[in-house]
Amino acid sequence: MERQYDKLTGLIPDTELKGEMDALILRDEEFALIAMDIDNLSPINRDFGNEAGDALIRLIANCIKQLFPEPCLGFRRGDEFEVLIPGGSKESAFLRAEELRKTIRESKLDYKSADGRHMSHSVSGGVSSYPEDGNRTADILRRADSAMKRAKKTGNNQVCLAREEKLVPKTSHYTQAQLDQLSLISRNINVVEAALMREALDDLLKKYDVDEMHILRNRGEAN
């Protein structure tokens, strides 16, 4: 089947990322994953216009294509990007992600705000790898995304490595029908129930794009 590409960037839609990762895991081939997000895109669109935001997205895509030729694959979802590096270790991927971050930061876009300010931009990233960070696609994705969010929360414009996750117990109540279906899925695909629950929570958090500071601001608890 012919591959589809994002019209704005020429990258692959990230709906195809899981399939590519599944195929590598099925063949037990080592790979690394870079997850990257634009820092403060909403203020850029607000102050410099949507045209500037689109130009930045295209710039990032061009940098990915330049620095990560095949067999690497670049993916896009909104203002987030992923780079899949077959055969890459986490350490080598981190160095390449740092190169990508610096290249994007140093690239100029000639936009000014209404009050004469020049546009500046940066990205934050996270790096995970198979099999070091898990043996399932969901694990590798979650750890790269978690590292990326840590990079953003600790100052933006940086890349963080995935690290061992600390599990925190939390008591919840479910219907018997839900538990029966969960048990059936677990047996059918040979994945423990707890891992399936974490995967479901990851999907929920991604669906609603939870941002802790945004929630605090809405509650009037942050300046």
Protein backbone atom coordinates (compact mmCIF):
# COMPACT_ATOMS: atom_id res chain seq x y z
CA MET A 1 0.00 0.00 0.00
CA GLU A 2 1.31 3.46 -0.93
CA ARG A 3 2.48 5.50 2.06
CA GLN A 4 0.55 8.66 2.89
CA TYR A 5 2.29 11.93 3.81
CA ASP A 6 1.25 15.01 5.76
CA LYS A 7 0.46 17.83 3.31
CA LEU A 8 2.07 20.64 5.31
CA THR A 9 5.36 18.90 6.10
CA GLY A 10 5.84 15.87 3.90
CA LEU A 11 6.30 13.74 7.02
CA ILE A 12 4.35 10.56 7.75
CA PRO A 13 1.15 10.97 9.82
CA ASP A 14 1.85 9.58 13.28
CA THR A 15 -1.12 7.22 12.96
CA GLU A 16 1.35 4.96 11.13
CA LEU A 17 4.03 5.09 13.83
CA LYS A 18 2.72 2.21 15.95
CA GLY A 19 2.61 -0.11 12.95
CA GLU A 20 6.22 0.65 12.06
CA MET A 21 7.32 0.05 15.66
CA ASP A 22 5.29 -3.16 15.93
CA ALA A 23 7.03 -4.50 12.83
CA LEU A 24 10.49 -3.79 14.27
CA ILE A 25 9.59 -5.42 17.59
CA LEU A 26 8.16 -8.44 15.80
CA ARG A 27 11.56 -8.89 14.11
CA ASP A 28 13.30 -8.14 17.44
CA GLU A 29 15.30 -5.32 15.83
CA GLU A 30 16.82 -2.66 18.07
CA PHE A 31 15.55 0.88 17.49
CA ALA A 32 15.36 4.28 19.14
CA LEU A 33 12.51 6.77 19.22
CA ILE A 34 12.72 10.55 19.50
CA ALA A 35 9.59 12.43 20.57
CA MET A 36 9.69 16.21 20.06
CA ASP A 37 7.27 19.04 20.78
CA ILE A 38 7.31 22.75 19.89
CA ASP A 39 7.71 24.95 22.94
CA ASN A 40 4.98 27.58 23.38
CA LEU A 41 3.40 27.26 19.93
CA SER A 42 0.13 28.92 21.01
CA PRO A 43 1.85 32.22 21.94
CA ILE A 44 3.75 32.09 18.64
CA ASN A 45 0.50 31.74 16.69
CA ARG A 46 -1.08 34.49 18.79
CA ASP A 47 1.75 37.02 18.60
CA PHE A 48 3.18 36.31 15.15
CA GLY A 49 0.24 34.73 13.31
CA ASN A 50 -0.70 31.23 12.18
CA GLU A 51 1.48 31.66 9.12
CA ALA A 52 4.51 31.87 11.41
CA GLY A 53 3.38 28.75 13.28
CA ASP A 54 3.02 26.81 10.01
CA ALA A 55 6.44 28.06 8.86
CA LEU A 56 7.97 26.76 12.09
CA ILE A 57 6.32 23.36 11.65
CA ARG A 58 7.69 23.15 8.09
CA LEU A 59 11.15 24.21 9.31
CA ILE A 60 11.20 21.43 11.91
CA ALA A 61 10.05 18.88 9.34
CA ASN A 62 12.79 19.96 6.92
CA CYS A 63 15.40 19.65 9.67
CA ILE A 64 14.16 16.13 10.47
CA LYS A 65 14.35 15.09 6.82
CA GLN A 66 17.83 16.58 6.47
CA LEU A 67 19.32 15.09 9.65
CA PHE A 68 17.47 11.74 9.60
CA PRO A 69 17.52 10.26 6.08
CA GLU A 70 16.21 6.76 5.40
CA PRO A 71 16.00 4.25 6.94
CA CYS A 72 14.94 6.71 9.65
CA LEU A 73 11.30 7.80 9.49
CA GLY A 74 9.81 11.15 10.57
CA PHE A 75 6.23 11.48 11.81
CA ARG A 76 3.98 14.44 12.65
CA ARG A 77 0.90 14.95 14.83
CA GLY A 78 -0.05 18.61 15.21
CA ASP A 79 2.88 20.36 16.92
CA GLU A 80 4.48 17.06 17.96
CA PHE A 81 6.98 15.01 15.98
CA GLU A 82 8.57 11.58 16.25
CA VAL A 83 11.66 10.15 14.62
CA LEU A 84 12.05 6.37 14.42
CA ILE A 85 15.67 5.23 14.12
CA PRO A 86 16.04 1.53 13.19
CA GLY A 87 19.23 0.04 14.63
CA GLY A 88 19.84 3.09 16.80
CA SER A 89 20.82 2.99 20.47
CA LYS A 90 19.33 5.38 23.02
CA GLU A 91 22.68 7.13 23.55
CA SER A 92 23.32 7.73 19.84
CA ALA A 93 19.72 8.86 19.35
CA PHE A 94 20.12 11.35 22.20
CA LEU A 95 23.14 12.93 20.48
CA ARG A 96 21.24 13.14 17.20
CA ALA A 97 18.21 14.61 18.96
CA GLU A 98 20.46 17.25 20.52
CA GLU A 99 21.80 18.09 17.07
CA LEU A 100 18.24 18.40 15.79
CA ARG A 101 17.24 20.63 18.72
CA LYS A 102 20.22 22.96 18.19
CA THR A 103 19.66 23.13 14.43
CA ILE A 104 16.02 24.11 14.93
CA ARG A 105 16.93 26.67 17.61
CA GLU A 106 19.58 28.30 15.41
CA SER A 107 17.42 28.41 12.27
CA LYS A 108 15.93 31.84 11.64
CA LEU A 109 12.36 32.70 10.71
CA ASP A 110 11.77 36.31 9.73
CA TYR A 111 8.57 37.17 11.60
CA LYS A 112 7.83 40.12 13.86
CA SER A 113 4.99 40.72 16.31
CA ALA A 114 2.77 43.80 16.22
CA ASP A 115 4.99 45.46 18.83
CA GLY A 116 8.17 44.78 16.85
CA ARG A 117 9.52 41.73 18.66
CA HIS A 118 11.47 39.19 16.62
CA MET A 119 10.21 35.61 16.69
CA SER A 120 12.21 33.04 18.64
CA HIS A 121 11.47 29.34 18.91
CA SER A 122 12.65 26.09 20.45
CA VAL A 123 11.67 22.45 20.86
CA SER A 124 11.87 19.92 23.68
CA GLY A 125 12.45 16.22 23.19
CA GLY A 126 12.53 12.80 24.80
CA VAL A 127 14.36 9.64 23.74
CA SER A 128 13.56 5.97 24.42
CA SER A 129 14.67 2.72 22.82
CA TYR A 130 13.82 -0.94 22.27
CA PRO A 131 14.49 -3.20 24.05
CA GLU A 132 16.05 -1.08 26.83
CA ASP A 133 12.83 0.76 27.70
CA GLY A 134 10.35 -2.06 27.22
CA ASN A 135 9.29 -4.82 24.87
CA ARG A 136 6.00 -3.30 23.71
CA THR A 137 5.26 -0.36 21.43
CA ALA A 138 3.11 1.26 24.11
CA ASP A 139 6.01 1.16 26.59
CA ILE A 140 8.48 2.77 24.19
CA LEU A 141 6.00 5.49 23.22
CA ARG A 142 5.08 6.24 26.83
CA ARG A 143 8.68 6.56 27.97
CA ALA A 144 9.68 8.84 25.09
CA ASP A 145 6.62 11.01 25.74
CA SER A 146 7.32 11.08 29.48
CA ALA A 147 10.92 12.16 28.87
CA MET A 148 9.73 14.88 26.49
CA LYS A 149 7.27 16.23 29.06
CA ARG A 150 10.03 16.24 31.68
CA ALA A 151 12.16 18.31 29.30
CA LYS A 152 9.33 20.83 28.94
CA LYS A 153 8.52 21.00 32.64
CA THR A 154 12.15 21.60 33.60
CA GLY A 155 12.74 24.55 31.29
CA ASN A 156 12.08 23.74 27.60
CA ASN A 157 14.68 23.76 24.80
CA GLN A 158 16.32 20.51 25.91
CA VAL A 159 16.27 16.74 25.37
CA CYS A 160 15.80 14.18 28.14
CA LEU A 161 16.45 10.44 28.16
CA ALA A 162 13.77 8.00 29.23
CA ARG A 163 14.37 6.63 32.70
CA GLU A 164 13.00 3.86 34.86
CA GLU A 165 9.42 4.56 35.85
CA LYS A 166 8.31 4.46 39.45
CA LEU A 167 4.92 2.79 39.86
CA VAL A 168 2.54 4.39 42.35
CA PRO A 169 -0.36 2.28 43.71
CA LYS A 170 -3.83 3.79 43.35
CA THR A 171 -7.05 2.06 44.38
CA SER A 172 -9.95 2.21 41.93
CA HIS A 173 -13.28 0.43 41.49
CA TYR A 174 -14.51 -1.22 38.31
CA THR A 175 -17.57 -3.19 37.31
CA GLN A 176 -17.32 -6.96 37.15
CA ALA A 177 -18.07 -6.82 33.43
CA GLN A 178 -15.11 -4.47 32.89
CA LEU A 179 -12.78 -6.73 34.85
CA ASP A 180 -13.98 -9.83 33.00
CA GLN A 181 -13.34 -8.19 29.62
CA LEU A 182 -9.93 -6.94 30.77
CA SER A 183 -9.00 -10.46 31.86
CA LEU A 184 -10.13 -11.86 28.50
CA ILE A 185 -8.06 -9.33 26.54
CA SER A 186 -5.06 -10.02 28.76
CA ARG A 187 -5.22 -13.77 28.08
CA ASN A 188 -5.84 -13.34 24.36
CA ILE A 189 -2.84 -11.06 23.70
CA ASN A 190 -0.62 -12.35 26.53
CA VAL A 191 -0.14 -8.95 28.18
CA VAL A 192 -0.58 -8.46 31.93
CA GLU A 193 -3.67 -6.54 33.01
CA ALA A 194 -1.71 -3.79 34.75
CA ALA A 195 0.16 -2.99 31.52
CA LEU A 196 -3.13 -2.77 29.64
CA MET A 197 -4.51 -0.37 32.25
CA ARG A 198 -1.45 1.86 31.97
CA GLU A 199 -1.80 1.85 28.18
CA ALA A 200 -5.45 2.87 28.49
CA LEU A 201 -4.53 5.72 30.85
CA ASP A 202 -1.83 6.90 28.42
CA ASP A 203 -4.44 7.07 25.65
CA LEU A 204 -6.80 9.01 27.94
CA LEU A 205 -4.13 11.56 28.87
CA LYS A 206 -3.13 12.01 25.23
CA LYS A 207 -6.78 12.41 24.19
CA TYR A 208 -7.37 15.29 26.59
CA ASP A 209 -3.80 16.72 26.29
CA VAL A 210 -3.54 17.26 30.03
CA ASP A 211 -1.26 20.11 31.08
CA GLU A 212 -0.79 20.46 34.83
CA MET A 213 -0.15 24.19 34.82
CA HIS A 214 -3.14 24.80 32.57
CA ILE A 215 -5.36 23.00 35.07
CA LEU A 216 -3.90 24.99 37.96
CA ARG A 217 -4.47 28.28 36.12
CA ASN A 218 -8.08 27.36 35.49
CA ARG A 219 -8.50 26.77 39.20
CA GLY A 220 -6.92 30.10 40.02
CA GLU A 221 -4.07 28.44 41.91
CA ALA A 222 -1.23 29.65 39.73
CA ASN A 223 -0.07 33.13 38.84
